[in-house]
Amino acid sequence: DREEARRLAGSSLVVMLLASLTVGILTVPFLDPILSALG
């Protein structure tokens, strides 16, 4: 089912973009406490 594969690929890229953008940006404000916790 090639058409299903294409649809799933497009949807997956959207989910990846949104999730990684959120986590990547939200990590920055918490770098100081995270690094301190690691030692």
Full PDB file with SEQRES, HELIX, SHEET, SSBOND, CRYST1, ORIGX, SCALE, CONECT and MASTER records, all heavy atoms in Angstrom:
SEQRES   1 A   39  ASP ARG GLU GLU ALA ARG ARG LEU ALA GLY SER SER LEU          
SEQRES   2 A   39  VAL VAL MET LEU LEU ALA SER LEU THR VAL GLY ILE LEU          
SEQRES   3 A   39  THR VAL PRO PHE LEU ASP PRO ILE LEU SER ALA LEU GLY          
HELIX    1 AA1 ARG A    2  THR A   27  1                                  26    
HELIX    2 AA2 VAL A   28  PHE A   30  5                                   3    
HELIX    3 AA3 LEU A   31  LEU A   38  1                                   8    
CRYST1    1.000    1.000    1.000  90.00  90.00  90.00 P 1           1          
ORIGX1      1.000000  0.000000  0.000000        0.00000                         
ORIGX2      0.000000  1.000000  0.000000        0.00000                         
ORIGX3      0.000000  0.000000  1.000000        0.00000                         
SCALE1      1.000000  0.000000  0.000000        0.00000                         
SCALE2      0.000000  1.000000  0.000000        0.00000                         
SCALE3      0.000000  0.000000  1.000000        0.00000                         
ATOM      1  N   ASP A   1       0.844  -1.197   0.000  1.00  0.00           N  
ATOM      2  CA  ASP A   1       0.000   0.000   0.000  1.00  0.00           C  
ATOM      3  C   ASP A   1       0.878   1.245   0.000  1.00  0.00           C  
ATOM      4  O   ASP A   1       1.186   1.827   1.047  1.00  0.00           O  
ATOM      5  CB  ASP A   1      -0.924  -0.004   1.216  1.00  0.00           C  
ATOM      6  CG  ASP A   1      -2.061   1.004   1.080  1.00  0.00           C  
ATOM      7  OD1 ASP A   1      -1.899   1.971   0.308  1.00  0.00           O  
ATOM      8  OD2 ASP A   1      -3.096   0.827   1.746  1.00  0.00           O  
ATOM      9  N   ARG A   2       1.277   1.684  -1.172  1.00  0.00           N  
ATOM     10  CA  ARG A   2       2.193   2.819  -1.300  1.00  0.00           C  
ATOM     11  C   ARG A   2       1.541   4.133  -0.861  1.00  0.00           C  
ATOM     12  O   ARG A   2       2.181   4.975  -0.242  1.00  0.00           O  
ATOM     13  CB  ARG A   2       2.636   2.916  -2.755  1.00  0.00           C  
ATOM     14  CG  ARG A   2       3.613   4.050  -3.046  1.00  0.00           C  
ATOM     15  CD  ARG A   2       5.002   3.702  -2.622  1.00  0.00           C  
ATOM     16  NE  ARG A   2       5.970   4.714  -2.997  1.00  0.00           N  
ATOM     17  CZ  ARG A   2       7.280   4.568  -2.881  1.00  0.00           C  
ATOM     18  NH1 ARG A   2       7.774   3.440  -2.413  1.00  0.00           N  
ATOM     19  NH2 ARG A   2       8.112   5.528  -3.245  1.00  0.00           N  
ATOM     20  N   GLU A   3       0.279   4.331  -1.179  1.00  0.00           N  
ATOM     21  CA  GLU A   3      -0.387   5.582  -0.819  1.00  0.00           C  
ATOM     22  C   GLU A   3      -0.525   5.722   0.693  1.00  0.00           C  
ATOM     23  O   GLU A   3      -0.389   6.821   1.238  1.00  0.00           O  
ATOM     24  CB  GLU A   3      -1.755   5.664  -1.495  1.00  0.00           C  
ATOM     25  CG  GLU A   3      -1.689   5.949  -2.983  1.00  0.00           C  
ATOM     26  CD  GLU A   3      -0.857   7.191  -3.286  1.00  0.00           C  
ATOM     27  OE1 GLU A   3      -1.101   8.244  -2.654  1.00  0.00           O  
ATOM     28  OE2 GLU A   3       0.044   7.114  -4.141  1.00  0.00           O  
ATOM     29  N   GLU A   4      -0.809   4.626   1.367  1.00  0.00           N  
ATOM     30  CA  GLU A   4      -0.875   4.688   2.828  1.00  0.00           C  
ATOM     31  C   GLU A   4       0.495   5.038   3.398  1.00  0.00           C  
ATOM     32  O   GLU A   4       0.612   5.824   4.353  1.00  0.00           O  
ATOM     33  CB  GLU A   4      -1.348   3.359   3.416  1.00  0.00           C  
ATOM     34  CG  GLU A   4      -1.442   3.393   4.935  1.00  0.00           C  
ATOM     35  CD  GLU A   4      -1.802   2.051   5.538  1.00  0.00           C  
ATOM     36  OE1 GLU A   4      -1.725   1.033   4.814  1.00  0.00           O  
ATOM     37  OE2 GLU A   4      -2.140   2.008   6.725  1.00  0.00           O  
ATOM     38  N   ALA A   5       1.541   4.471   2.807  1.00  0.00           N  
ATOM     39  CA  ALA A   5       2.898   4.763   3.267  1.00  0.00           C  
ATOM     40  C   ALA A   5       3.205   6.255   3.120  1.00  0.00           C  
ATOM     41  O   ALA A   5       3.790   6.872   4.013  1.00  0.00           O  
ATOM     42  CB  ALA A   5       3.908   3.929   2.482  1.00  0.00           C  
ATOM     43  N   ARG A   6       2.808   6.870   2.013  1.00  0.00           N  
ATOM     44  CA  ARG A   6       3.057   8.287   1.788  1.00  0.00           C  
ATOM     45  C   ARG A   6       2.299   9.145   2.793  1.00  0.00           C  
ATOM     46  O   ARG A   6       2.822  10.136   3.321  1.00  0.00           O  
ATOM     47  CB  ARG A   6       2.672   8.680   0.361  1.00  0.00           C  
ATOM     48  CG  ARG A   6       3.521   8.021  -0.720  1.00  0.00           C  
ATOM     49  CD  ARG A   6       3.135   8.514  -2.112  1.00  0.00           C  
ATOM     50  NE  ARG A   6       3.573   9.899  -2.307  1.00  0.00           N  
ATOM     51  CZ  ARG A   6       2.765  10.942  -2.335  1.00  0.00           C  
ATOM     52  NH1 ARG A   6       1.456  10.762  -2.179  1.00  0.00           N  
ATOM     53  NH2 ARG A   6       3.230  12.156  -2.515  1.00  0.00           N  
ATOM     54  N   ARG A   7       1.054   8.781   3.049  1.00  0.00           N  
ATOM     55  CA  ARG A   7       0.257   9.548   4.005  1.00  0.00           C  
ATOM     56  C   ARG A   7       0.842   9.462   5.403  1.00  0.00           C  
ATOM     57  O   ARG A   7       0.949  10.470   6.126  1.00  0.00           O  
ATOM     58  CB  ARG A   7      -1.179   9.045   4.017  1.00  0.00           C  
ATOM     59  CG  ARG A   7      -2.142   9.943   4.785  1.00  0.00           C  
ATOM     60  CD  ARG A   7      -3.448   9.267   5.099  1.00  0.00           C  
ATOM     61  NE  ARG A   7      -3.311   8.295   6.158  1.00  0.00           N  
ATOM     62  CZ  ARG A   7      -3.516   6.986   6.014  1.00  0.00           C  
ATOM     63  NH1 ARG A   7      -3.844   6.479   4.836  1.00  0.00           N  
ATOM     64  NH2 ARG A   7      -3.379   6.172   7.045  1.00  0.00           N  
ATOM     65  N   LEU A   8       1.230   8.251   5.800  1.00  0.00           N  
ATOM     66  CA  LEU A   8       1.813   8.057   7.131  1.00  0.00           C  
ATOM     67  C   LEU A   8       3.140   8.804   7.264  1.00  0.00           C  
ATOM     68  O   LEU A   8       3.448   9.348   8.326  1.00  0.00           O  
ATOM     69  CB  LEU A   8       2.025   6.568   7.388  1.00  0.00           C  
ATOM     70  CG  LEU A   8       0.757   5.735   7.596  1.00  0.00           C  
ATOM     71  CD1 LEU A   8       1.105   4.246   7.607  1.00  0.00           C  
ATOM     72  CD2 LEU A   8       0.055   6.129   8.888  1.00  0.00           C  
ATOM     73  N   ALA A   9       3.923   8.844   6.190  1.00  0.00           N  
ATOM     74  CA  ALA A   9       5.198   9.554   6.225  1.00  0.00           C  
ATOM     75  C   ALA A   9       4.989  11.051   6.448  1.00  0.00           C  
ATOM     76  O   ALA A   9       5.667  11.675   7.277  1.00  0.00           O  
ATOM     77  CB  ALA A   9       5.974   9.315   4.927  1.00  0.00           C  
ATOM     78  N   GLY A  10       4.050  11.644   5.730  1.00  0.00           N  
ATOM     79  CA  GLY A  10       3.781  13.064   5.897  1.00  0.00           C  
ATOM     80  C   GLY A  10       3.274  13.396   7.292  1.00  0.00           C  
ATOM     81  O   GLY A  10       3.722  14.371   7.917  1.00  0.00           O  
ATOM     82  N   SER A  11       2.367  12.598   7.800  1.00  0.00           N  
ATOM     83  CA  SER A  11       1.837  12.837   9.145  1.00  0.00           C  
ATOM     84  C   SER A  11       2.917  12.678  10.200  1.00  0.00           C  
ATOM     85  O   SER A  11       2.985  13.449  11.166  1.00  0.00           O  
ATOM     86  CB  SER A  11       0.678  11.871   9.420  1.00  0.00           C  
ATOM     87  OG  SER A  11      -0.399  12.084   8.534  1.00  0.00           O  
ATOM     88  N   SER A  12       3.768  11.684  10.037  1.00  0.00           N  
ATOM     89  CA  SER A  12       4.827  11.431  11.020  1.00  0.00           C  
ATOM     90  C   SER A  12       5.822  12.587  11.074  1.00  0.00           C  
ATOM     91  O   SER A  12       6.304  12.954  12.149  1.00  0.00           O  
ATOM     92  CB  SER A  12       5.556  10.128  10.686  1.00  0.00           C  
ATOM     93  OG  SER A  12       4.684   9.024  10.762  1.00  0.00           O  
ATOM     94  N   LEU A  13       6.131  13.173   9.922  1.00  0.00           N  
ATOM     95  CA  LEU A  13       7.050  14.308   9.901  1.00  0.00           C  
ATOM     96  C   LEU A  13       6.461  15.514  10.636  1.00  0.00           C  
ATOM     97  O   LEU A  13       7.178  16.247  11.322  1.00  0.00           O  
ATOM     98  CB  LEU A  13       7.384  14.682   8.462  1.00  0.00           C  
ATOM     99  CG  LEU A  13       8.416  13.790   7.765  1.00  0.00           C  
ATOM    100  CD1 LEU A  13       8.452  14.082   6.272  1.00  0.00           C  
ATOM    101  CD2 LEU A  13       9.801  14.002   8.373  1.00  0.00           C  
ATOM    102  N   VAL A  14       5.153  15.718  10.509  1.00  0.00           N  
ATOM    103  CA  VAL A  14       4.507  16.814  11.226  1.00  0.00           C  
ATOM    104  C   VAL A  14       4.602  16.597  12.734  1.00  0.00           C  
ATOM    105  O   VAL A  14       4.935  17.511  13.499  1.00  0.00           O  
ATOM    106  CB  VAL A  14       3.034  16.950  10.793  1.00  0.00           C  
ATOM    107  CG1 VAL A  14       2.293  17.943  11.695  1.00  0.00           C  
ATOM    108  CG2 VAL A  14       2.942  17.406   9.349  1.00  0.00           C  
ATOM    109  N   VAL A  15       4.318  15.378  13.176  1.00  0.00           N  
ATOM    110  CA  VAL A  15       4.390  15.064  14.601  1.00  0.00           C  
ATOM    111  C   VAL A  15       5.820  15.244  15.113  1.00  0.00           C  
ATOM    112  O   VAL A  15       6.050  15.809  16.192  1.00  0.00           O  
ATOM    113  CB  VAL A  15       3.894  13.630  14.862  1.00  0.00           C  
ATOM    114  CG1 VAL A  15       4.110  13.237  16.325  1.00  0.00           C  
ATOM    115  CG2 VAL A  15       2.412  13.513  14.513  1.00  0.00           C  
ATOM    116  N   MET A  16       6.798  14.774  14.349  1.00  0.00           N  
ATOM    117  CA  MET A  16       8.202  14.915  14.749  1.00  0.00           C  
ATOM    118  C   MET A  16       8.581  16.381  14.875  1.00  0.00           C  
ATOM    119  O   MET A  16       9.243  16.786  15.845  1.00  0.00           O  
ATOM    120  CB  MET A  16       9.104  14.228  13.722  1.00  0.00           C  
ATOM    121  CG  MET A  16      10.593  14.465  13.936  1.00  0.00           C  
ATOM    122  SD  MET A  16      11.252  13.697  15.424  1.00  0.00           S  
ATOM    123  CE  MET A  16      11.630  12.051  14.778  1.00  0.00           C  
ATOM    124  N   LEU A  17       8.174  17.200  13.921  1.00  0.00           N  
ATOM    125  CA  LEU A  17       8.525  18.618  13.938  1.00  0.00           C  
ATOM    126  C   LEU A  17       7.956  19.301  15.177  1.00  0.00           C  
ATOM    127  O   LEU A  17       8.658  20.036  15.881  1.00  0.00           O  
ATOM    128  CB  LEU A  17       8.009  19.289  12.675  1.00  0.00           C  
ATOM    129  CG  LEU A  17       8.287  20.785  12.541  1.00  0.00           C  
ATOM    130  CD1 LEU A  17       9.787  21.047  12.479  1.00  0.00           C  
ATOM    131  CD2 LEU A  17       7.598  21.350  11.303  1.00  0.00           C  
ATOM    132  N   LEU A  18       6.697  19.060  15.468  1.00  0.00           N  
ATOM    133  CA  LEU A  18       6.059  19.709  16.610  1.00  0.00           C  
ATOM    134  C   LEU A  18       6.665  19.257  17.930  1.00  0.00           C  
ATOM    135  O   LEU A  18       6.939  20.075  18.822  1.00  0.00           O  
ATOM    136  CB  LEU A  18       4.554  19.425  16.589  1.00  0.00           C  
ATOM    137  CG  LEU A  18       3.773  20.037  15.419  1.00  0.00           C  
ATOM    138  CD1 LEU A  18       2.316  19.575  15.459  1.00  0.00           C  
ATOM    139  CD2 LEU A  18       3.863  21.545  15.437  1.00  0.00           C  
ATOM    140  N   ALA A  19       6.882  17.963  18.074  1.00  0.00           N  
ATOM    141  CA  ALA A  19       7.412  17.424  19.335  1.00  0.00           C  
ATOM    142  C   ALA A  19       8.841  17.891  19.581  1.00  0.00           C  
ATOM    143  O   ALA A  19       9.189  18.321  20.694  1.00  0.00           O  
ATOM    144  CB  ALA A  19       7.344  15.897  19.323  1.00  0.00           C  
ATOM    145  N   SER A  20       9.690  17.809  18.570  1.00  0.00           N  
ATOM    146  CA  SER A  20      11.094  18.180  18.749  1.00  0.00           C  
ATOM    147  C   SER A  20      11.255  19.684  18.958  1.00  0.00           C  
ATOM    148  O   SER A  20      12.126  20.122  19.716  1.00  0.00           O  
ATOM    149  CB  SER A  20      11.926  17.719  17.550  1.00  0.00           C  
ATOM    150  OG  SER A  20      11.432  18.265  16.345  1.00  0.00           O  
ATOM    151  N   LEU A  21      10.424  20.483  18.293  1.00  0.00           N  
ATOM    152  CA  LEU A  21      10.480  21.928  18.483  1.00  0.00           C  
ATOM    153  C   LEU A  21      10.124  22.295  19.918  1.00  0.00           C  
ATOM    154  O   LEU A  21      10.798  23.122  20.555  1.00  0.00           O  
ATOM    155  CB  LEU A  21       9.522  22.616  17.514  1.00  0.00           C  
ATOM    156  CG  LEU A  21       9.469  24.146  17.582  1.00  0.00           C  
ATOM    157  CD1 LEU A  21      10.815  24.747  17.190  1.00  0.00           C  
ATOM    158  CD2 LEU A  21       8.350  24.675  16.686  1.00  0.00           C  
ATOM    159  N   THR A  22       9.085  21.668  20.443  1.00  0.00           N  
ATOM    160  CA  THR A  22       8.648  21.950  21.818  1.00  0.00           C  
ATOM    161  C   THR A  22       9.724  21.578  22.833  1.00  0.00           C  
ATOM    162  O   THR A  22      10.089  22.379  23.700  1.00  0.00           O  
ATOM    163  CB  THR A  22       7.352  21.187  22.126  1.00  0.00           C  
ATOM    164  OG1 THR A  22       6.331  21.583  21.199  1.00  0.00           O  
ATOM    165  CG2 THR A  22       6.880  21.479  23.549  1.00  0.00           C  
ATOM    166  N   VAL A  23      10.256  20.366  22.726  1.00  0.00           N  
ATOM    167  CA  VAL A  23      11.246  19.899  23.694  1.00  0.00           C  
ATOM    168  C   VAL A  23      12.551  20.681  23.566  1.00  0.00           C  
ATOM    169  O   VAL A  23      13.160  21.079  24.572  1.00  0.00           O  
ATOM    170  CB  VAL A  23      11.512  18.387  23.510  1.00  0.00           C  
ATOM    171  CG1 VAL A  23      12.664  17.930  24.398  1.00  0.00           C  
ATOM    172  CG2 VAL A  23      10.255  17.594  23.835  1.00  0.00           C  
ATOM    173  N   GLY A  24      12.996  20.941  22.340  1.00  0.00           N  
ATOM    174  CA  GLY A  24      14.257  21.641  22.130  1.00  0.00           C  
ATOM    175  C   GLY A  24      14.264  23.033  22.724  1.00  0.00           C  
ATOM    176  O   GLY A  24      15.239  23.450  23.363  1.00  0.00           O  
ATOM    177  N   ILE A  25      13.160  23.758  22.544  1.00  0.00           N  
ATOM    178  CA  ILE A  25      13.086  25.124  23.068  1.00  0.00           C  
ATOM    179  C   ILE A  25      12.874  25.137  24.575  1.00  0.00           C  
ATOM    180  O   ILE A  25      13.490  25.933  25.300  1.00  0.00           O  
ATOM    181  CB  ILE A  25      11.969  25.900  22.350  1.00  0.00           C  
ATOM    182  CG1 ILE A  25      12.354  26.123  20.883  1.00  0.00           C  
ATOM    183  CG2 ILE A  25      11.716  27.240  23.049  1.00  0.00           C  
ATOM    184  CD1 ILE A  25      11.290  26.819  20.066  1.00  0.00           C  
ATOM    185  N   LEU A  26      12.032  24.259  25.087  1.00  0.00           N  
ATOM    186  CA  LEU A  26      11.729  24.263  26.515  1.00  0.00           C  
ATOM    187  C   LEU A  26      12.903  23.786  27.372  1.00  0.00           C  
ATOM    188  O   LEU A  26      12.921  24.024  28.579  1.00  0.00           O  
ATOM    189  CB  LEU A  26      10.503  23.393  26.792  1.00  0.00           C  
ATOM    190  CG  LEU A  26       9.161  23.945  26.313  1.00  0.00           C  
ATOM    191  CD1 LEU A  26       8.034  22.985  26.672  1.00  0.00           C  
ATOM    192  CD2 LEU A  26       8.901  25.326  26.905  1.00  0.00           C  
ATOM    193  N   THR A  27      13.870  23.111  26.763  1.00  0.00           N  
ATOM    194  CA  THR A  27      15.037  22.653  27.527  1.00  0.00           C  
ATOM    195  C   THR A  27      15.903  23.823  27.986  1.00  0.00           C  
ATOM    196  O   THR A  27      16.463  23.794  29.092  1.00  0.00           O  
ATOM    197  CB  THR A  27      15.886  21.688  26.674  1.00  0.00           C  
ATOM    198  OG1 THR A  27      15.107  20.546  26.333  1.00  0.00           O  
ATOM    199  CG2 THR A  27      17.129  21.230  27.438  1.00  0.00           C  
ATOM    200  N   VAL A  28      16.003  24.860  27.164  1.00  0.00           N  
ATOM    201  CA  VAL A  28      16.950  25.953  27.420  1.00  0.00           C  
ATOM    202  C   VAL A  28      16.737  26.643  28.770  1.00  0.00           C  
ATOM    203  O   VAL A  28      17.707  26.852  29.521  1.00  0.00           O  
ATOM    204  CB  VAL A  28      16.917  26.977  26.266  1.00  0.00           C  
ATOM    205  CG1 VAL A  28      17.827  28.155  26.575  1.00  0.00           C  
ATOM    206  CG2 VAL A  28      17.342  26.306  24.961  1.00  0.00           C  
ATOM    207  N   PRO A  29      15.500  27.030  29.162  1.00  0.00           N  
ATOM    208  CA  PRO A  29      15.339  27.734  30.440  1.00  0.00           C  
ATOM    209  C   PRO A  29      15.711  26.895  31.670  1.00  0.00           C  
ATOM    210  O   PRO A  29      15.933  27.457  32.743  1.00  0.00           O  
ATOM    211  CB  PRO A  29      13.847  28.089  30.463  1.00  0.00           C  
ATOM    212  CG  PRO A  29      13.398  28.012  29.048  1.00  0.00           C  
ATOM    213  CD  PRO A  29      14.232  26.940  28.436  1.00  0.00           C  
ATOM    214  N   PHE A  30      15.773  25.582  31.508  1.00  0.00           N  
ATOM    215  CA  PHE A  30      16.022  24.699  32.653  1.00  0.00           C  
ATOM    216  C   PHE A  30      17.432  24.117  32.657  1.00  0.00           C  
ATOM    217  O   PHE A  30      17.726  23.193  33.423  1.00  0.00           O  
ATOM    218  CB  PHE A  30      14.995  23.558  32.659  1.00  0.00           C  
ATOM    219  CG  PHE A  30      13.574  24.019  32.765  1.00  0.00           C  
ATOM    220  CD1 PHE A  30      12.780  24.125  31.633  1.00  0.00           C  
ATOM    221  CD2 PHE A  30      13.037  24.370  33.997  1.00  0.00           C  
ATOM    222  CE1 PHE A  30      11.473  24.559  31.723  1.00  0.00           C  
ATOM    223  CE2 PHE A  30      11.724  24.801  34.096  1.00  0.00           C  
ATOM    224  CZ  PHE A  30      10.939  24.901  32.956  1.00  0.00           C  
ATOM    225  N   LEU A  31      18.314  24.646  31.821  1.00  0.00           N  
ATOM    226  CA  LEU A  31      19.661  24.093  31.733  1.00  0.00           C  
ATOM    227  C   LEU A  31      20.430  24.209  33.044  1.00  0.00           C  
ATOM    228  O   LEU A  31      21.125  23.271  33.448  1.00  0.00           O  
ATOM    229  CB  LEU A  31      20.443  24.791  30.614  1.00  0.00           C  
ATOM    230  CG  LEU A  31      20.059  24.402  29.183  1.00  0.00           C  
ATOM    231  CD1 LEU A  31      20.819  25.254  28.174  1.00  0.00           C  
ATOM    232  CD2 LEU A  31      20.322  22.922  28.943  1.00  0.00           C  
ATOM    233  N   ASP A  32      20.333  25.347  33.716  1.00  0.00           N  
ATOM    234  CA  ASP A  32      21.089  25.538  34.960  1.00  0.00           C  
ATOM    235  C   ASP A  32      20.741  24.505  36.020  1.00  0.00           C  
ATOM    236  O   ASP A  32      21.639  23.824  36.550  1.00  0.00           O  
ATOM    237  CB  ASP A  32      20.876  26.953  35.493  1.00  0.00           C  
ATOM    238  CG  ASP A  32      21.742  27.238  36.712  1.00  0.00           C  
ATOM    239  OD1 ASP A  32      22.930  27.553  36.538  1.00  0.00           O  
ATOM    240  OD2 ASP A  32      21.227  27.130  37.852  1.00  0.00           O  
ATOM    241  N   PRO A  33      19.453  24.312  36.367  1.00  0.00           N  
ATOM    242  CA  PRO A  33      19.148  23.294  37.377  1.00  0.00           C  
ATOM    243  C   PRO A  33      19.456  21.866  36.918  1.00  0.00           C  
ATOM    244  O   PRO A  33      19.844  21.017  37.727  1.00  0.00           O  
ATOM    245  CB  PRO A  33      17.657  23.487  37.655  1.00  0.00           C  
ATOM    246  CG  PRO A  33      17.125  24.222  36.475  1.00  0.00           C  
ATOM    247  CD  PRO A  33      18.246  25.076  35.995  1.00  0.00           C  
ATOM    248  N   ILE A  34      19.279  21.594  35.621  1.00  0.00           N  
ATOM    249  CA  ILE A  34      19.550  20.238  35.131  1.00  0.00           C  
ATOM    250  C   ILE A  34      21.036  19.915  35.243  1.00  0.00           C  
ATOM    251  O   ILE A  34      21.424  18.841  35.721  1.00  0.00           O  
ATOM    252  CB  ILE A  34      19.075  20.083  33.670  1.00  0.00           C  
ATOM    253  CG1 ILE A  34      17.551  20.157  33.586  1.00  0.00           C  
ATOM    254  CG2 ILE A  34      19.557  18.746  33.093  1.00  0.00           C  
ATOM    255  CD1 ILE A  34      17.024  20.187  32.161  1.00  0.00           C  
ATOM    256  N   LEU A  35      21.878  20.841  34.798  1.00  0.00           N  
ATOM    257  CA  LEU A  35      23.325  20.620  34.878  1.00  0.00           C  
ATOM    258  C   LEU A  35      23.791  20.528  36.322  1.00  0.00           C  
ATOM    259  O   LEU A  35      24.676  19.727  36.646  1.00  0.00           O  
ATOM    260  CB  LEU A  35      24.059  21.749  34.151  1.00  0.00           C  
ATOM    261  CG  LEU A  35      23.959  21.722  32.613  1.00  0.00           C  
ATOM    262  CD1 LEU A  35      24.439  23.037  32.020  1.00  0.00           C  
ATOM    263  CD2 LEU A  35      24.768  20.560  32.046  1.00  0.00           C  
ATOM    264  N   SER A  36      23.212  21.323  37.202  1.00  0.00           N  
ATOM    265  CA  SER A  36      23.567  21.238  38.622  1.00  0.00           C  
ATOM    266  C   SER A  36      23.195  19.881  39.186  1.00  0.00           C  
ATOM    267  O   SER A  36      23.952  19.287  39.977  1.00  0.00           O  
ATOM    268  CB  SER A  36      22.862  22.351  39.408  1.00  0.00           C  
ATOM    269  OG  SER A  36      23.305  23.629  38.992  1.00  0.00           O  
ATOM    270  N   ALA A  37      22.030  19.361  38.796  1.00  0.00           N  
ATOM    271  CA  ALA A  37      21.600  18.051  39.279  1.00  0.00           C  
ATOM    272  C   ALA A  37      22.530  16.943  38.810  1.00  0.00           C  
ATOM    273  O   ALA A  37      22.715  15.932  39.502  1.00  0.00           O  
ATOM    274  CB  ALA A  37      20.172  17.769  38.817  1.00  0.00           C  
ATOM    275  N   LEU A  38      23.128  17.123  37.632  1.00  0.00           N  
ATOM    276  CA  LEU A  38      24.061  16.132  37.109  1.00  0.00           C  
ATOM    277  C   LEU A  38      25.440  16.223  37.762  1.00  0.00           C  
ATOM    278  O   LEU A  38      26.274  15.342  37.571  1.00  0.00           O  
ATOM    279  CB  LEU A  38      24.218  16.299  35.591  1.00  0.00           C  
ATOM    280  CG  LEU A  38      23.020  15.902  34.723  1.00  0.00           C  
ATOM    281  CD1 LEU A  38      23.273  16.262  33.272  1.00  0.00           C  
ATOM    282  CD2 LEU A  38      22.723  14.408  34.861  1.00  0.00           C  
ATOM    283  N   GLY A  39      25.694  17.306  38.511  1.00  0.00           N  
ATOM    284  CA  GLY A  39      26.964  17.451  39.209  1.00  0.00           C  
ATOM    285  C   GLY A  39      27.921  18.429  38.582  1.00  0.00           C  
ATOM    286  O   GLY A  39      29.069  18.549  39.030  1.00  0.00           O  
TER     287      GLY A  39                                                      
MASTER        0    0    0    3    0    0    0    6  286    1    0    3          
END                                                                             
